[in-house]
PDB file of all heavy atoms in Angstrom:
ATOM      1  N   ASP A   1     -67.148 -47.692  -0.440  1.00  0.00           N
ATOM      2  CA  ASP A   1     -66.345 -48.322   0.608  1.00  0.00           C
ATOM      3  C   ASP A   1     -67.197 -48.729   1.802  1.00  0.00           C
ATOM      4  O   ASP A   1     -67.047 -48.151   2.872  1.00  0.00           O
ATOM      5  CB  ASP A   1     -65.230 -47.346   1.016  1.00  0.00           C
ATOM      6  CG  ASP A   1     -64.149 -48.002   1.877  1.00  0.00           C
ATOM      7  OD1 ASP A   1     -64.067 -49.229   1.871  1.00  0.00           O
ATOM      8  OD2 ASP A   1     -63.411 -47.248   2.535  1.00  0.00           O
ATOM      9  N   PRO A   2     -68.072 -49.759   1.664  1.00  0.00           N
ATOM     10  CA  PRO A   2     -68.306 -50.542   0.447  1.00  0.00           C
ATOM     11  C   PRO A   2     -69.463 -49.974  -0.362  1.00  0.00           C
ATOM     12  O   PRO A   2     -70.235 -49.152   0.129  1.00  0.00           O
ATOM     13  CB  PRO A   2     -68.682 -51.924   0.993  1.00  0.00           C
ATOM     14  CG  PRO A   2     -69.461 -51.579   2.242  1.00  0.00           C
ATOM     15  CD  PRO A   2     -68.774 -50.358   2.819  1.00  0.00           C
ATOM     16  N   ILE A   3     -69.582 -50.422  -1.606  1.00  0.00           N
ATOM     17  CA  ILE A   3     -70.761 -50.097  -2.395  1.00  0.00           C
ATOM     18  C   ILE A   3     -71.970 -50.735  -1.738  1.00  0.00           C
ATOM     19  O   ILE A   3     -71.880 -51.828  -1.182  1.00  0.00           O
ATOM     20  CB  ILE A   3     -70.591 -50.598  -3.846  1.00  0.00           C
ATOM     21  CG1 ILE A   3     -71.743 -50.073  -4.720  1.00  0.00           C
ATOM     22  CG2 ILE A   3     -70.433 -52.101  -3.934  1.00  0.00           C
ATOM     23  CD1 ILE A   3     -71.514 -50.272  -6.198  1.00  0.00           C
ATOM     24  N   HIS A   4     -73.097 -50.021  -1.726  1.00  0.00           N
ATOM     25  CA  HIS A   4     -74.298 -50.536  -1.076  1.00  0.00           C
ATOM     26  C   HIS A   4     -75.508 -50.361  -2.003  1.00  0.00           C
ATOM     27  O   HIS A   4     -75.396 -49.813  -3.115  1.00  0.00           O
ATOM     28  CB  HIS A   4     -74.513 -49.873   0.281  1.00  0.00           C
ATOM     29  CG  HIS A   4     -74.579 -48.380   0.242  1.00  0.00           C
ATOM     30  ND1 HIS A   4     -75.548 -47.672  -0.406  1.00  0.00           N
ATOM     31  CD2 HIS A   4     -73.733 -47.439   0.772  1.00  0.00           C
ATOM     32  CE1 HIS A   4     -75.365 -46.369  -0.266  1.00  0.00           C
ATOM     33  NE2 HIS A   4     -74.257 -46.202   0.428  1.00  0.00           N
ATOM     34  N   LEU A   5     -76.653 -50.861  -1.537  1.00  0.00           N
ATOM     35  CA  LEU A   5     -77.828 -50.859  -2.381  1.00  0.00           C
ATOM     36  C   LEU A   5     -78.311 -49.443  -2.698  1.00  0.00           C
ATOM     37  O   LEU A   5     -78.917 -49.194  -3.756  1.00  0.00           O
ATOM     38  CB  LEU A   5     -78.963 -51.653  -1.725  1.00  0.00           C
ATOM     39  CG  LEU A   5     -78.673 -53.154  -1.583  1.00  0.00           C
ATOM     40  CD1 LEU A   5     -79.823 -53.863  -0.905  1.00  0.00           C
ATOM     41  CD2 LEU A   5     -78.410 -53.784  -2.963  1.00  0.00           C
ATOM     42  N   GLY A   6     -78.025 -48.482  -1.823  1.00  0.00           N
ATOM     43  CA  GLY A   6     -78.382 -47.101  -2.113  1.00  0.00           C
ATOM     44  C   GLY A   6     -77.667 -46.576  -3.345  1.00  0.00           C
ATOM     45  O   GLY A   6     -78.243 -45.861  -4.161  1.00  0.00           O
ATOM     46  N   HIS A   7     -76.416 -46.961  -3.524  1.00  0.00           N
ATOM     47  CA  HIS A   7     -75.655 -46.574  -4.733  1.00  0.00           C
ATOM     48  C   HIS A   7     -76.343 -47.160  -5.987  1.00  0.00           C
ATOM     49  O   HIS A   7     -76.487 -46.473  -6.992  1.00  0.00           O
ATOM     50  CB  HIS A   7     -74.225 -47.085  -4.673  1.00  0.00           C
ATOM     51  CG  HIS A   7     -73.385 -46.440  -3.614  1.00  0.00           C
ATOM     52  ND1 HIS A   7     -72.642 -47.169  -2.713  1.00  0.00           N
ATOM     53  CD2 HIS A   7     -73.168 -45.135  -3.302  1.00  0.00           C
ATOM     54  CE1 HIS A   7     -71.994 -46.339  -1.933  1.00  0.00           C
ATOM     55  NE2 HIS A   7     -72.281 -45.097  -2.231  1.00  0.00           N
ATOM     56  N   LEU A   8     -76.701 -48.416  -5.907  1.00  0.00           N
ATOM     57  CA  LEU A   8     -77.272 -49.103  -7.086  1.00  0.00           C
ATOM     58  C   LEU A   8     -78.645 -48.535  -7.409  1.00  0.00           C
ATOM     59  O   LEU A   8     -78.969 -48.328  -8.599  1.00  0.00           O
ATOM     60  CB  LEU A   8     -77.375 -50.602  -6.801  1.00  0.00           C
ATOM     61  CG  LEU A   8     -76.044 -51.312  -6.522  1.00  0.00           C
ATOM     62  CD1 LEU A   8     -76.290 -52.774  -6.176  1.00  0.00           C
ATOM     63  CD2 LEU A   8     -75.102 -51.203  -7.713  1.00  0.00           C
ATOM     64  N   VAL A   9     -79.451 -48.276  -6.401  1.00  0.00           N
ATOM     65  CA  VAL A   9     -80.788 -47.683  -6.659  1.00  0.00           C
ATOM     66  C   VAL A   9     -80.637 -46.288  -7.251  1.00  0.00           C
ATOM     67  O   VAL A   9     -81.363 -45.907  -8.168  1.00  0.00           O
ATOM     68  CB  VAL A   9     -81.610 -47.639  -5.335  1.00  0.00           C
ATOM     69  CG1 VAL A   9     -82.905 -46.857  -5.554  1.00  0.00           C
ATOM     70  CG2 VAL A   9     -81.915 -49.053  -4.856  1.00  0.00           C
ATOM     71  N   THR A  10     -79.684 -45.508  -6.741  1.00  0.00           N
ATOM     72  CA  THR A  10     -79.454 -44.171  -7.263  1.00  0.00           C
ATOM     73  C   THR A  10     -79.064 -44.236  -8.737  1.00  0.00           C
ATOM     74  O   THR A  10     -79.574 -43.476  -9.576  1.00  0.00           O
ATOM     75  CB  THR A  10     -78.335 -43.461  -6.479  1.00  0.00           C
ATOM     76  OG1 THR A  10     -78.746 -43.309  -5.127  1.00  0.00           O
ATOM     77  CG2 THR A  10     -78.009 -42.114  -7.077  1.00  0.00           C
ATOM     78  N   ALA A  11     -78.133 -45.125  -9.086  1.00  0.00           N
ATOM     79  CA  ALA A  11     -77.691 -45.246 -10.466  1.00  0.00           C
ATOM     80  C   ALA A  11     -78.830 -45.653 -11.383  1.00  0.00           C
ATOM     81  O   ALA A  11     -78.981 -45.123 -12.491  1.00  0.00           O
ATOM     82  CB  ALA A  11     -76.543 -46.240 -10.552  1.00  0.00           C
ATOM     83  N   GLU A  12     -79.628 -46.602 -10.935  1.00  0.00           N
ATOM     84  CA  GLU A  12     -80.728 -47.055 -11.789  1.00  0.00           C
ATOM     85  C   GLU A  12     -81.810 -45.973 -11.927  1.00  0.00           C
ATOM     86  O   GLU A  12     -82.391 -45.813 -13.008  1.00  0.00           O
ATOM     87  CB  GLU A  12     -81.334 -48.335 -11.205  1.00  0.00           C
ATOM     88  CG  GLU A  12     -82.510 -48.896 -11.967  1.00  0.00           C
ATOM     89  CD  GLU A  12     -82.191 -49.249 -13.430  1.00  0.00           C
ATOM     90  OE1 GLU A  12     -80.994 -49.427 -13.762  1.00  0.00           O
ATOM     91  OE2 GLU A  12     -83.146 -49.329 -14.227  1.00  0.00           O
ATOM     92  N   GLN A  13     -82.078 -45.255 -10.842  1.00  0.00           N
ATOM     93  CA  GLN A  13     -83.069 -44.168 -10.963  1.00  0.00           C
ATOM     94  C   GLN A  13     -82.565 -43.071 -11.877  1.00  0.00           C
ATOM     95  O   GLN A  13     -83.325 -42.527 -12.676  1.00  0.00           O
ATOM     96  CB  GLN A  13     -83.398 -43.606  -9.579  1.00  0.00           C
ATOM     97  CG  GLN A  13     -84.500 -42.527  -9.642  1.00  0.00           C
ATOM     98  CD  GLN A  13     -84.993 -42.122  -8.270  1.00  0.00           C
ATOM     99  OE1 GLN A  13     -85.060 -42.946  -7.351  1.00  0.00           O
ATOM    100  NE2 GLN A  13     -85.357 -40.862  -8.137  1.00  0.00           N
ATOM    101  N   ALA A  14     -81.279 -42.753 -11.779  1.00  0.00           N
ATOM    102  CA  ALA A  14     -80.716 -41.751 -12.681  1.00  0.00           C
ATOM    103  C   ALA A  14     -80.789 -42.214 -14.132  1.00  0.00           C
ATOM    104  O   ALA A  14     -81.115 -41.442 -15.034  1.00  0.00           O
ATOM    105  CB  ALA A  14     -79.257 -41.460 -12.281  1.00  0.00           C
ATOM    106  N   ARG A  15     -80.507 -43.509 -14.336  1.00  0.00           N
ATOM    107  CA  ARG A  15     -80.579 -44.049 -15.695  1.00  0.00           C
ATOM    108  C   ARG A  15     -81.974 -43.880 -16.273  1.00  0.00           C
ATOM    109  O   ARG A  15     -82.154 -43.450 -17.423  1.00  0.00           O
ATOM    110  CB  ARG A  15     -80.173 -45.525 -15.696  1.00  0.00           C
ATOM    111  CG  ARG A  15     -80.080 -46.149 -17.084  1.00  0.00           C
ATOM    112  CD  ARG A  15     -80.175 -47.646 -17.041  1.00  0.00           C
ATOM    113  NE  ARG A  15     -81.473 -48.081 -16.533  1.00  0.00           N
ATOM    114  CZ  ARG A  15     -82.597 -48.076 -17.248  1.00  0.00           C
ATOM    115  NH1 ARG A  15     -82.583 -47.614 -18.514  1.00  0.00           N
ATOM    116  NH2 ARG A  15     -83.721 -48.479 -16.715  1.00  0.00           N
ATOM    117  N   ALA A  16     -82.992 -44.226 -15.456  1.00  0.00           N
ATOM    118  CA  ALA A  16     -84.361 -44.151 -15.927  1.00  0.00           C
ATOM    119  C   ALA A  16     -84.856 -42.698 -16.059  1.00  0.00           C
ATOM    120  O   ALA A  16     -85.441 -42.328 -17.090  1.00  0.00           O
ATOM    121  CB  ALA A  16     -85.271 -44.923 -14.968  1.00  0.00           C
ATOM    122  N   ASP A  17     -84.620 -41.893 -15.032  1.00  0.00           N
ATOM    123  CA  ASP A  17     -85.151 -40.536 -15.037  1.00  0.00           C
ATOM    124  C   ASP A  17     -84.469 -39.622 -16.067  1.00  0.00           C
ATOM    125  O   ASP A  17     -85.106 -38.738 -16.624  1.00  0.00           O
ATOM    126  CB  ASP A  17     -85.020 -39.891 -13.648  1.00  0.00           C
ATOM    127  CG  ASP A  17     -85.949 -40.512 -12.618  1.00  0.00           C
ATOM    128  OD1 ASP A  17     -86.694 -41.452 -12.978  1.00  0.00           O
ATOM    129  OD2 ASP A  17     -85.921 -40.069 -11.453  1.00  0.00           O
ATOM    130  N   LEU A  18     -83.172 -39.839 -16.298  1.00  0.00           N
ATOM    131  CA  LEU A  18     -82.423 -38.979 -17.213  1.00  0.00           C
ATOM    132  C   LEU A  18     -82.249 -39.599 -18.595  1.00  0.00           C
ATOM    133  O   LEU A  18     -81.657 -38.995 -19.476  1.00  0.00           O
ATOM    134  CB  LEU A  18     -81.028 -38.706 -16.618  1.00  0.00           C
ATOM    135  CG  LEU A  18     -81.007 -37.996 -15.259  1.00  0.00           C
ATOM    136  CD1 LEU A  18     -79.584 -37.903 -14.730  1.00  0.00           C
ATOM    137  CD2 LEU A  18     -81.645 -36.631 -15.326  1.00  0.00           C
ATOM    138  N   GLY A  19     -82.788 -40.801 -18.782  1.00  0.00           N
ATOM    139  CA  GLY A  19     -82.684 -41.450 -20.061  1.00  0.00           C
ATOM    140  C   GLY A  19     -81.250 -41.802 -20.452  1.00  0.00           C
ATOM    141  O   GLY A  19     -80.850 -41.660 -21.613  1.00  0.00           O
ATOM    142  N   LEU A  20     -80.472 -42.278 -19.482  1.00  0.00           N
ATOM    143  CA  LEU A  20     -79.074 -42.561 -19.748  1.00  0.00           C
ATOM    144  C   LEU A  20     -78.903 -43.884 -20.468  1.00  0.00           C
ATOM    145  O   LEU A  20     -79.619 -44.843 -20.211  1.00  0.00           O
ATOM    146  CB  LEU A  20     -78.282 -42.610 -18.402  1.00  0.00           C
ATOM    147  CG  LEU A  20     -78.374 -41.384 -17.536  1.00  0.00           C
ATOM    148  CD1 LEU A  20     -77.584 -41.595 -16.247  1.00  0.00           C
ATOM    149  CD2 LEU A  20     -77.882 -40.148 -18.270  1.00  0.00           C
ATOM    150  N   ASP A  21     -77.949 -43.925 -21.376  1.00  0.00           N
ATOM    151  CA  ASP A  21     -77.616 -45.165 -22.060  1.00  0.00           C
ATOM    152  C   ASP A  21     -76.706 -46.054 -21.213  1.00  0.00           C
ATOM    153  O   ASP A  21     -76.731 -47.279 -21.386  1.00  0.00           O
ATOM    154  CB  ASP A  21     -76.916 -44.840 -23.390  1.00  0.00           C
ATOM    155  CG  ASP A  21     -77.818 -44.075 -24.344  1.00  0.00           C
ATOM    156  OD1 ASP A  21     -78.773 -44.667 -24.846  1.00  0.00           O
ATOM    157  OD2 ASP A  21     -77.547 -42.865 -24.550  1.00  0.00           O
ATOM    158  N   GLU A  22     -75.925 -45.455 -20.359  1.00  0.00           N
ATOM    159  CA  GLU A  22     -74.954 -46.189 -19.558  1.00  0.00           C
ATOM    160  C   GLU A  22     -74.663 -45.408 -18.287  1.00  0.00           C
ATOM    161  O   GLU A  22     -74.676 -44.183 -18.297  1.00  0.00           O
ATOM    162  CB  GLU A  22     -73.668 -46.406 -20.326  1.00  0.00           C
ATOM    163  CG  GLU A  22     -72.567 -47.177 -19.591  1.00  0.00           C
ATOM    164  CD  GLU A  22     -71.280 -47.286 -20.388  1.00  0.00           C
ATOM    165  OE1 GLU A  22     -71.190 -46.645 -21.463  1.00  0.00           O
ATOM    166  OE2 GLU A  22     -70.355 -48.016 -19.922  1.00  0.00           O
ATOM    167  N   VAL A  23     -74.399 -46.117 -17.194  1.00  0.00           N
ATOM    168  CA  VAL A  23     -73.926 -45.505 -15.978  1.00  0.00           C
ATOM    169  C   VAL A  23     -72.560 -46.136 -15.655  1.00  0.00           C
ATOM    170  O   VAL A  23     -72.467 -47.350 -15.466  1.00  0.00           O
ATOM    171  CB  VAL A  23     -74.886 -45.698 -14.788  1.00  0.00           C
ATOM    172  CG1 VAL A  23     -74.292 -45.090 -13.512  1.00  0.00           C
ATOM    173  CG2 VAL A  23     -76.239 -45.069 -15.088  1.00  0.00           C
ATOM    174  N   VAL A  24     -71.533 -45.293 -15.632  1.00  0.00           N
ATOM    175  CA  VAL A  24     -70.175 -45.756 -15.336  1.00  0.00           C
ATOM    176  C   VAL A  24     -69.875 -45.463 -13.875  1.00  0.00           C
ATOM    177  O   VAL A  24     -69.872 -44.297 -13.462  1.00  0.00           O
ATOM    178  CB  VAL A  24     -69.153 -45.056 -16.228  1.00  0.00           C
ATOM    179  CG1 VAL A  24     -67.742 -45.574 -15.911  1.00  0.00           C
ATOM    180  CG2 VAL A  24     -69.490 -45.265 -17.711  1.00  0.00           C
ATOM    181  N   PHE A  25     -69.634 -46.502 -13.099  1.00  0.00           N
ATOM    182  CA  PHE A  25     -69.258 -46.324 -11.697  1.00  0.00           C
ATOM    183  C   PHE A  25     -67.768 -45.991 -11.677  1.00  0.00           C
ATOM    184  O   PHE A  25     -66.936 -46.691 -12.262  1.00  0.00           O
ATOM    185  CB  PHE A  25     -69.539 -47.581 -10.890  1.00  0.00           C
ATOM    186  CG  PHE A  25     -70.993 -47.774 -10.573  1.00  0.00           C
ATOM    187  CD1 PHE A  25     -71.890 -48.123 -11.590  1.00  0.00           C
ATOM    188  CD2 PHE A  25     -71.471 -47.604  -9.289  1.00  0.00           C
ATOM    189  CE1 PHE A  25     -73.256 -48.298 -11.315  1.00  0.00           C
ATOM    190  CE2 PHE A  25     -72.806 -47.782  -9.004  1.00  0.00           C
ATOM    191  CZ  PHE A  25     -73.710 -48.125  -9.997  1.00  0.00           C
ATOM    192  N   MET A  26     -67.416 -44.911 -10.971  1.00  0.00           N
ATOM    193  CA  MET A  26     -66.062 -44.399 -10.956  1.00  0.00           C
ATOM    194  C   MET A  26     -65.548 -44.388  -9.523  1.00  0.00           C
ATOM    195  O   MET A  26     -65.601 -43.367  -8.811  1.00  0.00           O
ATOM    196  CB  MET A  26     -66.042 -42.959 -11.523  1.00  0.00           C
ATOM    197  CG  MET A  26     -64.661 -42.383 -11.715  1.00  0.00           C
ATOM    198  SD  MET A  26     -63.816 -43.032 -13.170  1.00  0.00           S
ATOM    199  CE  MET A  26     -64.837 -42.394 -14.513  1.00  0.00           C
ATOM    200  N   PRO A  27     -65.032 -45.521  -9.005  1.00  0.00           N
ATOM    201  CA  PRO A  27     -64.499 -45.538  -7.645  1.00  0.00           C
ATOM    202  C   PRO A  27     -63.338 -44.552  -7.543  1.00  0.00           C
ATOM    203  O   PRO A  27     -62.454 -44.503  -8.403  1.00  0.00           O
ATOM    204  CB  PRO A  27     -64.016 -46.972  -7.479  1.00  0.00           C
ATOM    205  CG  PRO A  27     -64.775 -47.781  -8.485  1.00  0.00           C
ATOM    206  CD  PRO A  27     -64.962 -46.874  -9.640  1.00  0.00           C
ATOM    207  N   ALA A  28     -63.353 -43.750  -6.468  1.00  0.00           N
ATOM    208  CA  ALA A  28     -62.308 -42.748  -6.276  1.00  0.00           C
ATOM    209  C   ALA A  28     -60.975 -43.405  -5.948  1.00  0.00           C
ATOM    210  O   ALA A  28     -60.924 -44.441  -5.282  1.00  0.00           O
ATOM    211  CB  ALA A  28     -62.711 -41.786  -5.156  1.00  0.00           C
ATOM    212  N   GLY A  29     -59.908 -42.808  -6.419  1.00  0.00           N
ATOM    213  CA  GLY A  29     -58.571 -43.300  -6.102  1.00  0.00           C
ATOM    214  C   GLY A  29     -58.129 -42.826  -4.731  1.00  0.00           C
ATOM    215  O   GLY A  29     -58.390 -43.478  -3.732  1.00  0.00           O
ATOM    216  N   SER A  30     -57.503 -41.686  -4.662  1.00  0.00           N
ATOM    217  CA  SER A  30     -57.088 -41.049  -3.399  1.00  0.00           C
ATOM    218  C   SER A  30     -57.785 -39.712  -3.312  1.00  0.00           C
ATOM    219  O   SER A  30     -57.194 -38.673  -3.620  1.00  0.00           O
ATOM    220  CB  SER A  30     -55.556 -40.867  -3.326  1.00  0.00           C
ATOM    221  OG  SER A  30     -54.909 -42.110  -3.430  1.00  0.00           O
ATOM    222  N   PRO A  31     -59.062 -39.709  -2.892  1.00  0.00           N
ATOM    223  CA  PRO A  31     -59.817 -38.437  -2.883  1.00  0.00           C
ATOM    224  C   PRO A  31     -59.205 -37.454  -1.911  1.00  0.00           C
ATOM    225  O   PRO A  31     -59.005 -37.758  -0.736  1.00  0.00           O
ATOM    226  CB  PRO A  31     -61.234 -38.877  -2.458  1.00  0.00           C
ATOM    227  CG  PRO A  31     -61.060 -40.184  -1.810  1.00  0.00           C
ATOM    228  CD  PRO A  31     -59.861 -40.833  -2.433  1.00  0.00           C
ATOM    229  N   TRP A  32     -58.911 -36.244  -2.394  1.00  0.00           N
ATOM    230  CA  TRP A  32     -58.130 -35.288  -1.610  1.00  0.00           C
ATOM    231  C   TRP A  32     -58.925 -34.746  -0.421  1.00  0.00           C
ATOM    232  O   TRP A  32     -58.318 -34.260   0.551  1.00  0.00           O
ATOM    233  CB  TRP A  32     -57.659 -34.157  -2.492  1.00  0.00           C
ATOM    234  CG  TRP A  32     -58.728 -33.251  -3.033  1.00  0.00           C
ATOM    235  CD1 TRP A  32     -59.517 -33.481  -4.107  1.00  0.00           C
ATOM    236  CD2 TRP A  32     -59.120 -31.967  -2.533  1.00  0.00           C
ATOM    237  NE1 TRP A  32     -60.390 -32.437  -4.303  1.00  0.00           N
ATOM    238  CE2 TRP A  32     -60.154 -31.509  -3.361  1.00  0.00           C
ATOM    239  CE3 TRP A  32     -58.681 -31.181  -1.462  1.00  0.00           C
ATOM    240  CZ2 TRP A  32     -60.771 -30.268  -3.148  1.00  0.00           C
ATOM    241  CZ3 TRP A  32     -59.290 -29.955  -1.247  1.00  0.00           C
ATOM    242  CH2 TRP A  32     -60.332 -29.498  -2.080  1.00  0.00           C
ATOM    243  N   GLN A  33     -60.272 -34.787  -0.451  1.00  0.00           N
ATOM    244  CA  GLN A  33     -61.038 -34.258   0.652  1.00  0.00           C
ATOM    245  C   GLN A  33     -61.391 -35.293   1.712  1.00  0.00           C
ATOM    246  O   GLN A  33     -61.981 -34.953   2.729  1.00  0.00           O
ATOM    247  CB  GLN A  33     -62.322 -33.606   0.144  1.00  0.00           C
ATOM    248  CG  GLN A  33     -62.080 -32.268  -0.552  1.00  0.00           C
ATOM    249  CD  GLN A  33     -63.355 -31.534  -0.862  1.00  0.00           C
ATOM    250  OE1 GLN A  33     -64.381 -32.139  -1.190  1.00  0.00           O
ATOM    251  NE2 GLN A  33     -63.352 -30.230  -0.775  1.00  0.00           N
ATOM    252  N   LYS A  34     -61.038 -36.554   1.512  1.00  0.00           N
ATOM    253  CA  LYS A  34     -61.335 -37.575   2.510  1.00  0.00           C
ATOM    254  C   LYS A  34     -60.332 -37.486   3.668  1.00  0.00           C
ATOM    255  O   LYS A  34     -59.127 -37.448   3.454  1.00  0.00           O
ATOM    256  CB  LYS A  34     -61.271 -38.975   1.891  1.00  0.00           C
ATOM    257  CG  LYS A  34     -62.500 -39.351   1.057  1.00  0.00           C
ATOM    258  CD  LYS A  34     -63.692 -39.570   1.937  1.00  0.00           C
ATOM    259  CE  LYS A  34     -64.883 -40.042   1.085  1.00  0.00           C
ATOM    260  NZ  LYS A  34     -66.102 -40.210   1.889  1.00  0.00           N
ATOM    261  N   THR A  35     -60.876 -37.453   4.902  1.00  0.00           N
ATOM    262  CA  THR A  35     -59.999 -37.361   6.073  1.00  0.00           C
ATOM    263  C   THR A  35     -59.697 -38.734   6.654  1.00  0.00           C
ATOM    264  O   THR A  35     -58.740 -38.893   7.404  1.00  0.00           O
ATOM    265  CB  THR A  35     -60.630 -36.492   7.159  1.00  0.00           C
ATOM    266  OG1 THR A  35     -61.927 -37.032   7.509  1.00  0.00           O
ATOM    267  CG2 THR A  35     -60.814 -35.043   6.662  1.00  0.00           C
TER     268      THR A  35
END
């Protein structure tokens, strides 16, 4: 809210470092801890 380049870099680094086949972005619906 909004998605930014830090999110994308994190996902790509996780994909590379952990050998992931896919990264699924899961936008939160109504997160209960958000104030």
